[in-house]
């Protein structure tokens, strides 16, 4: 119980002290975690009573994170890059909705791969240079 409290405090502090670029990375990581949990739930036996609930809950969580990424875009300052991300996020949400309604794992796997590519590219950008000017334009924090 105490360990959970420390973990919650650590996460809250990490979010409060993160740069805009790090926050985006955290959102990607959160989406990937939810997608992985949903994908794992698809592998459970069909008669597992928690299977459908876990799939549904985790896909909604992933969609909420993707919506947060979408809503944080600054289309005016971010230009074509931000508009491309907007279209990608719309597509991801549509595919996750379809996967959730039809209870099919394929859209989840597809979106998980795409989000991982974006996450890795974002992490590389952050590690190579500050990246703050790009991040600020796209995220609207400038």
N, C-alpha and C. Protein backbone atom coordinates (compact mmCIF):
# COMPACT_ATOMS: atom_id res chain seq x y z
N UNK A 1 0.82 -1.19 0.00
CA UNK A 1 0.00 0.00 0.00
C UNK A 1 0.86 1.26 0.00
N UNK A 2 1.90 1.26 0.82
CA UNK A 2 2.78 2.41 0.89
C UNK A 2 3.54 2.59 -0.42
N UNK A 3 3.93 1.48 -1.03
CA UNK A 3 4.64 1.54 -2.31
C UNK A 3 3.76 2.18 -3.39
N UNK A 4 2.48 1.86 -3.39
CA UNK A 4 1.56 2.46 -4.36
C UNK A 4 1.46 3.96 -4.16
N UNK A 5 1.46 4.39 -2.90
CA UNK A 5 1.40 5.82 -2.61
C UNK A 5 2.65 6.52 -3.11
N UNK A 6 3.80 5.91 -2.92
CA UNK A 6 5.04 6.49 -3.41
C UNK A 6 5.05 6.54 -4.94
N UNK A 7 4.56 5.50 -5.57
CA UNK A 7 4.51 5.47 -7.04
C UNK A 7 3.61 6.57 -7.57
N UNK A 8 2.46 6.76 -6.93
CA UNK A 8 1.54 7.83 -7.35
C UNK A 8 2.18 9.20 -7.19
N UNK A 9 2.87 9.40 -6.06
CA UNK A 9 3.54 10.68 -5.81
C UNK A 9 4.64 10.92 -6.83
N UNK A 10 5.39 9.86 -7.15
CA UNK A 10 6.47 9.98 -8.14
C UNK A 10 5.90 10.36 -9.50
N UNK A 11 4.82 9.68 -9.92
CA UNK A 11 4.22 9.98 -11.22
C UNK A 11 3.69 11.41 -11.26
N UNK A 12 3.05 11.84 -10.20
CA UNK A 12 2.51 13.20 -10.16
C UNK A 12 3.64 14.22 -10.25
N UNK A 13 4.72 13.99 -9.54
CA UNK A 13 5.87 14.89 -9.59
C UNK A 13 6.48 14.89 -10.98
N UNK A 14 6.60 13.73 -11.60
CA UNK A 14 7.17 13.63 -12.95
C UNK A 14 6.36 14.44 -13.94
N UNK A 15 5.04 14.37 -13.83
CA UNK A 15 4.18 15.12 -14.74
C UNK A 15 4.31 16.62 -14.50
N UNK A 16 4.33 17.02 -13.25
CA UNK A 16 4.39 18.44 -12.92
C UNK A 16 5.71 19.09 -13.31
N UNK A 17 6.78 18.30 -13.36
CA UNK A 17 8.09 18.87 -13.66
C UNK A 17 8.56 18.58 -15.09
N UNK A 18 7.76 17.91 -15.88
CA UNK A 18 8.16 17.52 -17.23
C UNK A 18 8.05 18.70 -18.20
N UNK A 19 8.92 18.68 -19.19
CA UNK A 19 8.84 19.67 -20.26
C UNK A 19 7.67 19.30 -21.17
N UNK A 20 7.24 20.22 -22.04
CA UNK A 20 6.16 19.87 -22.98
C UNK A 20 6.48 18.64 -23.82
N UNK A 21 7.73 18.53 -24.26
CA UNK A 21 8.13 17.37 -25.05
C UNK A 21 8.06 16.08 -24.26
N UNK A 22 8.48 16.13 -23.01
CA UNK A 22 8.40 14.95 -22.15
C UNK A 22 6.96 14.56 -21.86
N UNK A 23 6.08 15.55 -21.74
CA UNK A 23 4.67 15.26 -21.51
C UNK A 23 4.07 14.50 -22.69
N UNK A 24 4.43 14.91 -23.90
CA UNK A 24 3.95 14.21 -25.09
C UNK A 24 4.44 12.77 -25.06
N UNK A 25 5.71 12.59 -24.70
CA UNK A 25 6.27 11.24 -24.61
C UNK A 25 5.52 10.41 -23.57
N UNK A 26 5.18 11.01 -22.45
CA UNK A 26 4.42 10.31 -21.40
C UNK A 26 3.03 9.91 -21.92
N UNK A 27 2.42 10.78 -22.70
CA UNK A 27 1.11 10.45 -23.27
C UNK A 27 1.22 9.27 -24.24
N UNK A 28 2.24 9.29 -25.09
CA UNK A 28 2.45 8.16 -25.99
C UNK A 28 2.67 6.88 -25.19
N UNK A 29 3.47 6.95 -24.14
CA UNK A 29 3.72 5.77 -23.31
C UNK A 29 2.43 5.26 -22.66
N UNK A 30 1.61 6.18 -22.20
CA UNK A 30 0.33 5.79 -21.59
C UNK A 30 -0.59 5.12 -22.60
N UNK A 31 -0.63 5.66 -23.81
CA UNK A 31 -1.46 5.05 -24.85
C UNK A 31 -0.95 3.65 -25.18
N UNK A 32 0.37 3.51 -25.28
CA UNK A 32 0.94 2.19 -25.59
C UNK A 32 0.66 1.18 -24.49
N UNK A 33 0.70 1.63 -23.25
CA UNK A 33 0.39 0.72 -22.13
C UNK A 33 -1.07 0.25 -22.22
N UNK A 34 -1.97 1.18 -22.46
CA UNK A 34 -3.39 0.81 -22.56
C UNK A 34 -3.63 -0.12 -23.75
N UNK A 35 -2.99 0.15 -24.87
CA UNK A 35 -3.15 -0.71 -26.06
C UNK A 35 -2.60 -2.10 -25.80
N UNK A 36 -1.47 -2.19 -25.11
CA UNK A 36 -0.89 -3.50 -24.79
C UNK A 36 -1.82 -4.29 -23.86
N UNK A 37 -2.40 -3.62 -22.88
CA UNK A 37 -3.33 -4.31 -21.98
C UNK A 37 -4.58 -4.78 -22.73
N UNK A 38 -5.07 -3.97 -23.65
CA UNK A 38 -6.23 -4.37 -24.45
C UNK A 38 -5.87 -5.57 -25.33
N UNK A 39 -4.71 -5.49 -25.97
CA UNK A 39 -4.27 -6.59 -26.84
C UNK A 39 -4.11 -7.89 -26.05
N UNK A 40 -3.54 -7.79 -24.85
CA UNK A 40 -3.40 -8.98 -23.99
C UNK A 40 -4.76 -9.54 -23.59
N UNK A 41 -5.72 -8.67 -23.37
CA UNK A 41 -7.06 -9.12 -22.99
C UNK A 41 -7.72 -9.88 -24.14
N UNK A 42 -7.42 -9.51 -25.37
CA UNK A 42 -7.96 -10.25 -26.51
C UNK A 42 -7.50 -11.70 -26.50
N UNK A 43 -6.33 -11.95 -25.93
CA UNK A 43 -5.78 -13.31 -25.90
C UNK A 43 -6.40 -14.17 -24.79
N UNK A 44 -7.14 -13.57 -23.90
CA UNK A 44 -7.80 -14.34 -22.83
C UNK A 44 -8.87 -15.25 -23.43
N UNK A 45 -9.21 -16.30 -22.72
CA UNK A 45 -10.29 -17.18 -23.20
C UNK A 45 -11.59 -16.41 -23.38
N UNK A 46 -12.35 -16.78 -24.38
CA UNK A 46 -13.61 -16.09 -24.69
C UNK A 46 -14.59 -16.12 -23.53
N UNK A 47 -14.50 -17.14 -22.69
CA UNK A 47 -15.45 -17.25 -21.57
C UNK A 47 -14.97 -16.52 -20.32
N UNK A 48 -13.85 -15.83 -20.39
CA UNK A 48 -13.36 -15.04 -19.27
C UNK A 48 -14.28 -13.84 -19.09
N UNK A 49 -14.95 -13.73 -17.94
CA UNK A 49 -15.93 -12.66 -17.77
C UNK A 49 -15.32 -11.24 -17.79
N UNK A 50 -14.06 -11.11 -17.46
CA UNK A 50 -13.44 -9.79 -17.43
C UNK A 50 -12.86 -9.37 -18.78
N UNK A 51 -12.79 -10.29 -19.72
CA UNK A 51 -12.15 -10.04 -21.01
C UNK A 51 -12.72 -8.81 -21.72
N UNK A 52 -14.01 -8.79 -21.93
CA UNK A 52 -14.67 -7.70 -22.67
C UNK A 52 -14.53 -6.38 -21.92
N UNK A 53 -14.66 -6.41 -20.62
CA UNK A 53 -14.56 -5.19 -19.83
C UNK A 53 -13.14 -4.60 -19.91
N UNK A 54 -12.13 -5.44 -19.82
CA UNK A 54 -10.75 -4.96 -19.90
C UNK A 54 -10.48 -4.38 -21.28
N UNK A 55 -10.89 -5.08 -22.32
CA UNK A 55 -10.71 -4.58 -23.68
C UNK A 55 -11.35 -3.20 -23.82
N UNK A 56 -12.61 -3.11 -23.43
CA UNK A 56 -13.36 -1.86 -23.56
C UNK A 56 -12.70 -0.72 -22.77
N UNK A 57 -12.38 -0.98 -21.52
CA UNK A 57 -11.81 0.04 -20.65
C UNK A 57 -10.46 0.53 -21.16
N UNK A 58 -9.61 -0.39 -21.58
CA UNK A 58 -8.28 0.00 -22.04
C UNK A 58 -8.33 0.72 -23.39
N UNK A 59 -9.24 0.33 -24.26
CA UNK A 59 -9.36 1.03 -25.53
C UNK A 59 -9.91 2.44 -25.33
N UNK A 60 -10.85 2.59 -24.41
CA UNK A 60 -11.35 3.94 -24.10
C UNK A 60 -10.23 4.80 -23.50
N UNK A 61 -9.40 4.19 -22.67
CA UNK A 61 -8.28 4.92 -22.09
C UNK A 61 -7.31 5.37 -23.18
N UNK A 62 -6.99 4.47 -24.11
CA UNK A 62 -6.09 4.82 -25.22
C UNK A 62 -6.70 5.94 -26.06
N UNK A 63 -8.00 5.86 -26.32
CA UNK A 63 -8.66 6.90 -27.10
C UNK A 63 -8.64 8.24 -26.37
N UNK A 64 -8.82 8.22 -25.06
CA UNK A 64 -8.77 9.47 -24.30
C UNK A 64 -7.40 10.11 -24.38
N UNK A 65 -6.36 9.29 -24.35
CA UNK A 65 -5.00 9.82 -24.45
C UNK A 65 -4.76 10.38 -25.85
N UNK A 66 -5.20 9.66 -26.86
CA UNK A 66 -5.04 10.15 -28.23
C UNK A 66 -5.83 11.44 -28.43
N UNK A 67 -7.00 11.53 -27.82
CA UNK A 67 -7.78 12.78 -27.89
C UNK A 67 -7.02 13.92 -27.22
N UNK A 68 -6.34 13.64 -26.14
CA UNK A 68 -5.54 14.67 -25.46
C UNK A 68 -4.41 15.15 -26.37
N UNK A 69 -3.76 14.22 -27.04
CA UNK A 69 -2.71 14.59 -28.00
C UNK A 69 -3.31 15.43 -29.14
N UNK A 70 -4.46 15.00 -29.63
CA UNK A 70 -5.16 15.69 -30.71
C UNK A 70 -5.54 17.11 -30.30
N UNK A 71 -6.14 17.23 -29.12
CA UNK A 71 -6.64 18.53 -28.67
C UNK A 71 -5.51 19.50 -28.34
N UNK A 72 -4.33 18.98 -28.07
CA UNK A 72 -3.20 19.83 -27.75
C UNK A 72 -2.47 20.39 -28.96
N UNK A 73 -2.87 19.98 -30.14
CA UNK A 73 -2.21 20.45 -31.35
C UNK A 73 -2.54 21.92 -31.61
N UNK A 74 -1.55 22.66 -32.08
CA UNK A 74 -1.76 24.04 -32.49
C UNK A 74 -1.65 24.06 -34.01
N UNK A 75 -2.79 24.03 -34.67
CA UNK A 75 -2.81 23.92 -36.13
C UNK A 75 -2.26 25.15 -36.84
N UNK A 76 -2.43 26.30 -36.24
CA UNK A 76 -1.91 27.52 -36.86
C UNK A 76 -0.39 27.55 -36.80
N UNK A 77 0.16 27.35 -35.62
CA UNK A 77 1.61 27.44 -35.45
C UNK A 77 2.32 26.18 -35.97
N UNK A 78 1.66 25.04 -35.88
CA UNK A 78 2.29 23.78 -36.26
C UNK A 78 2.26 23.47 -37.74
N UNK A 79 1.44 24.20 -38.47
CA UNK A 79 1.39 24.05 -39.93
C UNK A 79 1.01 22.65 -40.38
N UNK A 80 1.62 22.23 -41.46
CA UNK A 80 1.28 20.94 -42.08
C UNK A 80 1.60 19.77 -41.16
N UNK A 81 2.66 19.87 -40.37
CA UNK A 81 3.02 18.80 -39.44
C UNK A 81 1.89 18.56 -38.44
N UNK A 82 1.36 19.63 -37.87
CA UNK A 82 0.26 19.50 -36.91
C UNK A 82 -1.00 18.96 -37.58
N UNK A 83 -1.26 19.39 -38.81
CA UNK A 83 -2.45 18.90 -39.53
C UNK A 83 -2.31 17.41 -39.85
N UNK A 84 -1.09 16.98 -40.16
CA UNK A 84 -0.86 15.55 -40.42
C UNK A 84 -1.08 14.75 -39.15
N UNK A 85 -0.55 15.23 -38.03
CA UNK A 85 -0.78 14.54 -36.76
C UNK A 85 -2.27 14.50 -36.43
N UNK A 86 -2.99 15.57 -36.71
CA UNK A 86 -4.43 15.60 -36.46
C UNK A 86 -5.14 14.49 -37.24
N UNK A 87 -4.79 14.34 -38.50
CA UNK A 87 -5.41 13.29 -39.33
C UNK A 87 -5.03 11.90 -38.82
N UNK A 88 -3.78 11.74 -38.41
CA UNK A 88 -3.36 10.45 -37.85
C UNK A 88 -4.13 10.12 -36.59
N UNK A 89 -4.25 11.07 -35.69
CA UNK A 89 -4.98 10.83 -34.44
C UNK A 89 -6.45 10.51 -34.71
N UNK A 90 -7.04 11.19 -35.67
CA UNK A 90 -8.42 10.88 -36.05
C UNK A 90 -8.54 9.44 -36.55
N UNK A 91 -7.60 9.04 -37.38
CA UNK A 91 -7.59 7.67 -37.91
C UNK A 91 -7.41 6.66 -36.78
N UNK A 92 -6.48 6.93 -35.86
CA UNK A 92 -6.25 6.01 -34.75
C UNK A 92 -7.52 5.83 -33.92
N UNK A 93 -8.18 6.93 -33.63
CA UNK A 93 -9.41 6.85 -32.84
C UNK A 93 -10.50 6.07 -33.56
N UNK A 94 -10.61 6.30 -34.86
CA UNK A 94 -11.62 5.57 -35.64
C UNK A 94 -11.33 4.07 -35.62
N UNK A 95 -10.08 3.69 -35.80
CA UNK A 95 -9.72 2.27 -35.80
C UNK A 95 -9.92 1.64 -34.43
N UNK A 96 -9.60 2.36 -33.37
CA UNK A 96 -9.81 1.81 -32.03
C UNK A 96 -11.30 1.67 -31.73
N UNK A 97 -12.09 2.61 -32.20
CA UNK A 97 -13.54 2.51 -32.04
C UNK A 97 -14.05 1.25 -32.75
N UNK A 98 -13.59 1.05 -33.98
CA UNK A 98 -14.01 -0.14 -34.74
C UNK A 98 -13.58 -1.42 -34.03
N UNK A 99 -12.34 -1.45 -33.55
CA UNK A 99 -11.86 -2.63 -32.84
C UNK A 99 -12.65 -2.91 -31.59
N UNK A 100 -13.04 -1.86 -30.89
CA UNK A 100 -13.81 -2.02 -29.66
C UNK A 100 -15.23 -2.51 -29.96
N UNK A 101 -15.87 -1.92 -30.93
CA UNK A 101 -17.24 -2.31 -31.28
C UNK A 101 -17.29 -3.74 -31.80
N UNK A 102 -16.36 -4.07 -32.69
CA UNK A 102 -16.36 -5.39 -33.33
C UNK A 102 -15.58 -6.43 -32.53
N UNK A 103 -14.92 -5.99 -31.46
CA UNK A 103 -14.07 -6.85 -30.63
C UNK A 103 -13.08 -7.62 -31.50
N UNK A 104 -12.33 -6.83 -32.29
CA UNK A 104 -11.28 -7.36 -33.15
C UNK A 104 -9.94 -6.79 -32.72
N UNK A 105 -8.94 -7.64 -32.63
CA UNK A 105 -7.62 -7.23 -32.17
C UNK A 105 -6.81 -6.54 -33.27
N UNK A 106 -7.10 -6.80 -34.53
CA UNK A 106 -6.29 -6.27 -35.63
C UNK A 106 -6.16 -4.75 -35.60
N UNK A 107 -7.25 -3.99 -35.42
CA UNK A 107 -7.09 -2.53 -35.37
C UNK A 107 -6.22 -2.08 -34.19
N UNK A 108 -6.29 -2.80 -33.10
CA UNK A 108 -5.50 -2.46 -31.92
C UNK A 108 -4.01 -2.65 -32.22
N UNK A 109 -3.68 -3.78 -32.83
CA UNK A 109 -2.30 -4.06 -33.20
C UNK A 109 -1.79 -3.01 -34.20
N UNK A 110 -2.64 -2.66 -35.16
CA UNK A 110 -2.27 -1.66 -36.16
C UNK A 110 -1.95 -0.32 -35.51
N UNK A 111 -2.87 0.16 -34.67
CA UNK A 111 -2.68 1.46 -34.03
C UNK A 111 -1.50 1.42 -33.07
N UNK A 112 -1.34 0.31 -32.37
CA UNK A 112 -0.22 0.18 -31.45
C UNK A 112 1.11 0.35 -32.20
N UNK A 113 1.21 -0.25 -33.36
CA UNK A 113 2.44 -0.10 -34.16
C UNK A 113 2.67 1.33 -34.60
N UNK A 114 1.61 2.00 -35.04
CA UNK A 114 1.74 3.39 -35.48
C UNK A 114 2.13 4.31 -34.32
N UNK A 115 1.47 4.11 -33.17
CA UNK A 115 1.76 4.95 -32.00
C UNK A 115 3.20 4.71 -31.54
N UNK A 116 3.65 3.46 -31.59
CA UNK A 116 5.04 3.16 -31.20
C UNK A 116 6.02 3.90 -32.12
N UNK A 117 5.73 3.93 -33.42
CA UNK A 117 6.61 4.65 -34.34
C UNK A 117 6.66 6.15 -34.00
N UNK A 118 5.50 6.74 -33.74
CA UNK A 118 5.46 8.15 -33.37
C UNK A 118 6.21 8.39 -32.06
N UNK A 119 5.98 7.51 -31.10
CA UNK A 119 6.63 7.64 -29.79
C UNK A 119 8.14 7.56 -29.94
N UNK A 120 8.62 6.60 -30.70
CA UNK A 120 10.06 6.43 -30.88
C UNK A 120 10.68 7.61 -31.62
N UNK A 121 9.97 8.13 -32.62
CA UNK A 121 10.45 9.30 -33.35
C UNK A 121 10.50 10.51 -32.42
N UNK A 122 9.48 10.66 -31.60
CA UNK A 122 9.43 11.78 -30.66
C UNK A 122 10.58 11.67 -29.66
N UNK A 123 10.81 10.47 -29.14
CA UNK A 123 11.89 10.26 -28.19
C UNK A 123 13.25 10.56 -28.83
N UNK A 124 13.42 10.15 -30.07
CA UNK A 124 14.68 10.41 -30.77
C UNK A 124 14.88 11.91 -30.96
N UNK A 125 13.81 12.62 -31.32
CA UNK A 125 13.91 14.06 -31.49
C UNK A 125 14.32 14.72 -30.17
N UNK A 126 13.73 14.26 -29.08
CA UNK A 126 14.06 14.85 -27.77
C UNK A 126 15.51 14.56 -27.38
N UNK A 127 15.98 13.37 -27.72
CA UNK A 127 17.34 13.00 -27.31
C UNK A 127 18.40 13.66 -28.19
N UNK A 128 18.10 13.92 -29.44
CA UNK A 128 19.10 14.51 -30.35
C UNK A 128 19.31 15.99 -30.09
N UNK A 129 18.25 16.67 -29.78
CA UNK A 129 18.35 18.09 -29.46
C UNK A 129 17.17 18.49 -28.62
N UNK A 130 17.24 19.67 -28.14
CA UNK A 130 16.17 20.18 -27.27
C UNK A 130 14.81 19.96 -27.90
N UNK A 131 14.66 20.27 -29.18
CA UNK A 131 13.40 20.06 -29.87
C UNK A 131 12.29 20.98 -29.41
N UNK A 132 12.59 21.89 -28.50
CA UNK A 132 11.53 22.70 -27.91
C UNK A 132 10.83 23.60 -28.92
N UNK A 133 11.55 24.12 -29.91
CA UNK A 133 10.87 25.03 -30.85
C UNK A 133 9.82 24.27 -31.65
N UNK A 134 10.13 23.08 -32.11
CA UNK A 134 9.15 22.27 -32.84
C UNK A 134 7.99 21.89 -31.93
N UNK A 135 8.32 21.45 -30.74
CA UNK A 135 7.30 21.02 -29.78
C UNK A 135 6.38 22.18 -29.44
N UNK A 136 6.97 23.34 -29.17
CA UNK A 136 6.15 24.47 -28.79
C UNK A 136 5.21 24.89 -29.91
N UNK A 137 5.67 24.83 -31.17
CA UNK A 137 4.80 25.21 -32.28
C UNK A 137 3.66 24.22 -32.43
N UNK A 138 3.97 22.93 -32.40
CA UNK A 138 2.96 21.91 -32.65
C UNK A 138 1.99 21.80 -31.49
N UNK A 139 2.48 21.92 -30.28
CA UNK A 139 1.64 21.75 -29.10
C UNK A 139 0.98 23.06 -28.66
N UNK A 140 1.40 24.18 -29.21
CA UNK A 140 0.76 25.44 -28.88
C UNK A 140 1.17 26.00 -27.54
N UNK A 141 2.38 25.70 -27.08
CA UNK A 141 2.81 26.22 -25.79
C UNK A 141 3.68 27.47 -25.92
N UNK A 142 3.93 27.90 -27.13
CA UNK A 142 4.77 29.09 -27.32
C UNK A 142 3.95 30.35 -27.14
